[in-house]
Protein backbone atom coordinates (compact mmCIF):
# COMPACT_ATOMS: atom_id res chain seq x y z
CA MET A 1 -28.71 -8.41 -30.92
CA THR A 2 -26.96 -9.42 -27.70
CA LEU A 3 -23.43 -8.27 -26.92
CA GLN A 4 -21.17 -10.51 -24.89
CA ALA A 5 -17.92 -9.58 -23.24
CA THR A 6 -14.83 -11.16 -24.72
CA THR A 7 -12.28 -12.80 -22.44
CA TRP A 8 -10.03 -9.73 -22.38
CA GLN A 9 -12.96 -7.49 -21.40
CA THR A 10 -14.09 -9.40 -18.32
CA VAL A 11 -11.67 -7.75 -15.88
CA GLY A 12 -11.38 -3.92 -15.83
CA PRO A 13 -9.92 -1.43 -16.11
CA TYR A 14 -13.01 0.06 -14.52
CA PHE A 15 -11.34 1.69 -11.51
CA ARG A 16 -12.05 5.24 -12.59
CA ILE A 17 -15.75 4.62 -13.14
CA GLY A 18 -17.58 5.27 -9.88
CA LEU A 19 -14.48 4.94 -7.68
CA GLU A 20 -12.68 8.26 -8.21
CA ASN A 21 -14.39 9.77 -5.16
CA PHE A 22 -12.58 7.24 -2.99
CA ASN A 23 -9.09 8.13 -4.26
CA ALA A 24 -6.87 10.29 -2.07
CA GLU A 25 -3.28 11.44 -1.81
CA ASN A 26 -3.17 12.40 1.86
CA ILE A 27 -4.69 10.83 4.96
CA THR A 28 -2.59 12.70 7.49
CA PRO A 29 -4.72 14.59 10.00
CA PRO A 30 -3.40 18.11 10.75
CA ALA A 31 -2.64 17.16 14.36
CA ALA A 32 -0.24 14.43 13.19
CA ALA A 33 2.08 16.65 11.13
CA SER A 34 5.18 15.52 13.06
CA ASP A 35 4.55 11.86 12.18
CA ARG A 36 3.85 12.56 8.50
CA VAL A 37 5.65 10.53 5.84
CA THR A 38 5.37 10.45 2.06
CA ILE A 39 5.40 7.14 0.19
CA GLU A 40 6.51 7.14 -3.46
CA CYS A 41 6.02 3.87 -5.34
CA THR A 42 6.29 2.44 -8.81
CA LEU A 43 4.31 -0.59 -10.00
CA LEU A 44 6.06 -2.60 -12.74
CA ASP A 45 4.93 -5.62 -14.76
CA GLY A 46 7.04 -8.72 -15.43
CA ASN A 47 8.91 -6.97 -18.26
CA GLY A 48 9.81 -3.95 -16.14
CA ARG A 49 7.18 -1.76 -17.79
CA PRO A 50 4.98 0.57 -15.73
CA VAL A 51 1.41 -0.51 -14.96
CA PRO A 52 -0.65 2.62 -15.70
CA ASP A 53 -4.14 1.52 -14.72
CA ALA A 54 -3.95 -0.10 -11.31
CA VAL A 55 -5.44 0.92 -8.00
CA ILE A 56 -3.59 0.49 -4.73
CA GLU A 57 -5.36 0.27 -1.37
CA VAL A 58 -3.44 0.69 1.85
CA TRP A 59 -4.49 -0.10 5.41
CA GLN A 60 -2.35 0.79 8.38
CA ALA A 61 -2.20 1.52 12.08
CA ASP A 62 -1.78 5.04 13.42
CA ALA A 63 1.45 6.34 14.98
CA ASN A 64 0.54 4.62 18.27
CA GLY A 65 0.00 1.23 16.64
CA ALA A 66 -3.80 1.35 16.82
CA PHE A 67 -6.18 0.52 13.98
CA ARG A 68 -9.41 2.45 13.49
CA ARG A 69 -12.25 0.33 14.86
CA ALA A 70 -15.27 2.47 13.94
CA PRO A 71 -16.04 4.47 10.82
CA ILE A 72 -15.53 8.22 10.77
CA GLU A 73 -19.02 9.65 11.15
CA SER A 74 -18.68 13.35 10.33
CA GLU A 75 -16.73 15.67 8.06
CA ASN A 76 -15.05 17.33 11.06
CA ALA A 77 -13.92 13.97 12.42
CA ALA A 78 -12.48 13.06 9.01
CA GLN A 79 -10.25 16.14 9.21
CA THR A 80 -8.93 15.44 12.71
CA GLU A 81 -8.95 11.64 13.05
CA PHE A 82 -6.81 9.12 11.25
CA SER A 83 -8.73 6.66 9.06
CA GLY A 84 -5.85 4.28 8.32
CA PHE A 85 -7.11 3.67 4.76
CA ILE A 86 -6.21 5.19 1.43
CA ARG A 87 -6.87 4.30 -2.23
CA VAL A 88 -4.49 5.62 -4.90
CA PRO A 89 -4.47 5.01 -8.68
CA THR A 90 -1.23 4.61 -10.61
CA ASP A 91 -0.36 7.24 -13.21
CA ALA A 92 0.79 6.69 -16.81
CA GLU A 93 4.27 5.78 -15.54
CA GLY A 94 2.97 3.25 -13.00
CA ARG A 95 3.71 5.63 -10.12
CA PHE A 96 1.62 6.48 -7.13
CA ARG A 97 2.32 8.71 -4.16
CA PHE A 98 0.55 9.48 -0.91
CA SER A 99 1.13 11.04 2.50
CA THR A 100 0.22 9.36 5.75
CA VAL A 101 1.48 8.98 9.30
CA HIS A 102 4.38 6.70 10.12
CA PRO A 103 2.62 3.68 11.64
CA GLY A 104 3.53 2.33 15.05
CA GLN A 105 4.22 -1.29 15.88
CA VAL A 106 1.17 -3.54 16.22
CA PRO A 107 0.80 -6.84 18.07
CA GLY A 108 0.78 -10.01 15.99
CA PRO A 109 -1.51 -13.00 16.48
CA ASP A 110 0.74 -14.51 19.13
CA GLY A 111 1.33 -11.21 20.94
CA THR A 112 4.79 -10.49 19.48
CA MET A 113 5.15 -7.01 18.06
CA GLN A 114 5.15 -6.51 14.30
CA ALA A 115 7.38 -3.90 12.71
CA PRO A 116 5.74 -0.71 11.37
CA HIS A 117 4.23 -1.59 8.00
CA LEU A 118 1.51 -0.87 5.47
CA ALA A 119 -0.87 -3.60 4.27
CA VAL A 120 -1.13 -3.18 0.49
CA ARG A 121 -3.74 -4.50 -1.95
CA ILE A 122 -3.20 -4.23 -5.72
CA MET A 123 -6.09 -4.32 -8.20
CA MET A 124 -5.53 -4.10 -11.94
CA ARG A 125 -6.74 -5.33 -15.29
CA GLY A 126 -6.09 -8.98 -15.96
CA LEU A 127 -6.01 -9.96 -12.29
CA LEU A 128 -8.80 -12.28 -11.28
CA LYS A 129 -7.59 -12.15 -7.68
CA ASP A 130 -6.13 -9.08 -5.99
CA LEU A 131 -2.50 -9.14 -4.90
CA VAL A 132 -1.72 -8.54 -1.24
CA THR A 133 1.64 -7.55 0.15
CA ARG A 134 3.23 -5.37 2.82
CA MET A 135 5.56 -2.42 2.79
CA TYR A 136 7.92 -2.20 5.73
CA PHE A 137 9.90 0.83 6.86
CA PRO A 138 13.65 0.42 7.40
CA CYS A 139 14.01 0.15 11.18
CA ASP A 140 15.44 -2.11 13.88
CA ALA A 141 12.06 -3.80 14.46
CA VAL A 142 12.08 -5.26 10.93
CA ALA A 143 14.61 -7.94 11.93
CA SER A 144 12.21 -9.49 14.44
CA ASP A 145 8.89 -9.05 12.60
CA PRO A 146 7.06 -12.43 12.76
CA VAL A 147 5.48 -12.10 9.29
CA LEU A 148 8.71 -11.00 7.64
CA GLN A 149 10.45 -13.99 9.25
CA LEU A 150 8.23 -16.25 7.11
CA VAL A 151 9.81 -14.76 3.95
CA PRO A 152 13.15 -16.20 2.73
CA ASP A 153 16.10 -13.90 3.56
CA GLN A 154 16.94 -13.09 -0.07
CA ARG A 155 13.33 -11.99 -0.80
CA ARG A 156 12.74 -9.75 2.24
CA ARG A 157 14.30 -6.71 0.59
CA THR A 158 11.33 -6.60 -1.84
CA LEU A 159 9.11 -5.62 1.11
CA ILE A 160 11.29 -2.94 2.68
CA ALA A 161 11.12 0.62 1.37
CA GLU A 162 14.20 2.81 1.20
CA ARG A 163 14.48 6.21 2.78
CA SER A 164 14.86 8.88 0.10
CA PRO A 165 18.37 10.38 0.28
CA ASP A 166 17.23 13.84 -0.84
CA ARG A 167 13.67 14.21 0.54
CA GLU A 168 13.06 14.21 4.27
CA ALA A 169 10.38 11.81 5.62
CA THR A 170 9.98 10.22 2.17
CA TYR A 171 10.19 6.49 1.45
CA VAL A 172 10.63 4.95 -2.00
CA TRP A 173 9.36 1.47 -2.86
CA LYS A 174 9.14 -0.52 -6.07
CA ILE A 175 6.53 -3.25 -6.59
CA GLU A 176 7.50 -5.74 -9.27
CA LEU A 177 4.77 -8.15 -10.32
CA GLN A 178 7.03 -10.86 -11.79
CA GLY A 179 10.64 -11.65 -12.55
CA ASP A 180 13.87 -12.01 -10.62
CA ARG A 181 13.02 -9.14 -8.27
CA GLU A 182 9.33 -9.98 -7.86
CA THR A 183 7.80 -8.48 -4.75
CA VAL A 184 6.63 -11.02 -2.19
CA PHE A 185 2.84 -11.43 -2.27
CA PHE A 186 0.82 -13.18 0.42
CA ASP A 187 -2.09 -15.60 0.05
CA CYS A 188 -5.05 -14.14 1.90
């Protein structure tokens, strides 16, 4: 007897199998405590319901606006150097949270400076192609960011996190997969 996968079984959720060792909640090296920020997010489907079985990957520059160019080669280096990468699963309520350093500005393709941001990749059941977006921090540089300028004015707010009013150095962001307040996703 041969078993074949049905259509609904062809895409995950397999994120917990073999990938849990890559999940983290903090990539802030001890030396960067002053630049530390916490990101609290919620991932919602087109009906406003939480997505409980997704995995979020984030890449970012360090506080000086530099990306890691070489892999971290030792355990000691991993504790003192900033990797710029984190993978976080959503919980039963579609939430995920992690701590990192506040990224610096990075140069864009034409040399203009991009606002501090996180590059975000979303993987979940039912998606044949990952979703890619950005999370920006509320700051003056956002107004002149060359990538954000490509997004229509009324949609830009979906990419900008809000500073938490009651938790210092914490930013809150909601990712909506469809609907009137759908987060902007980029073709990559």
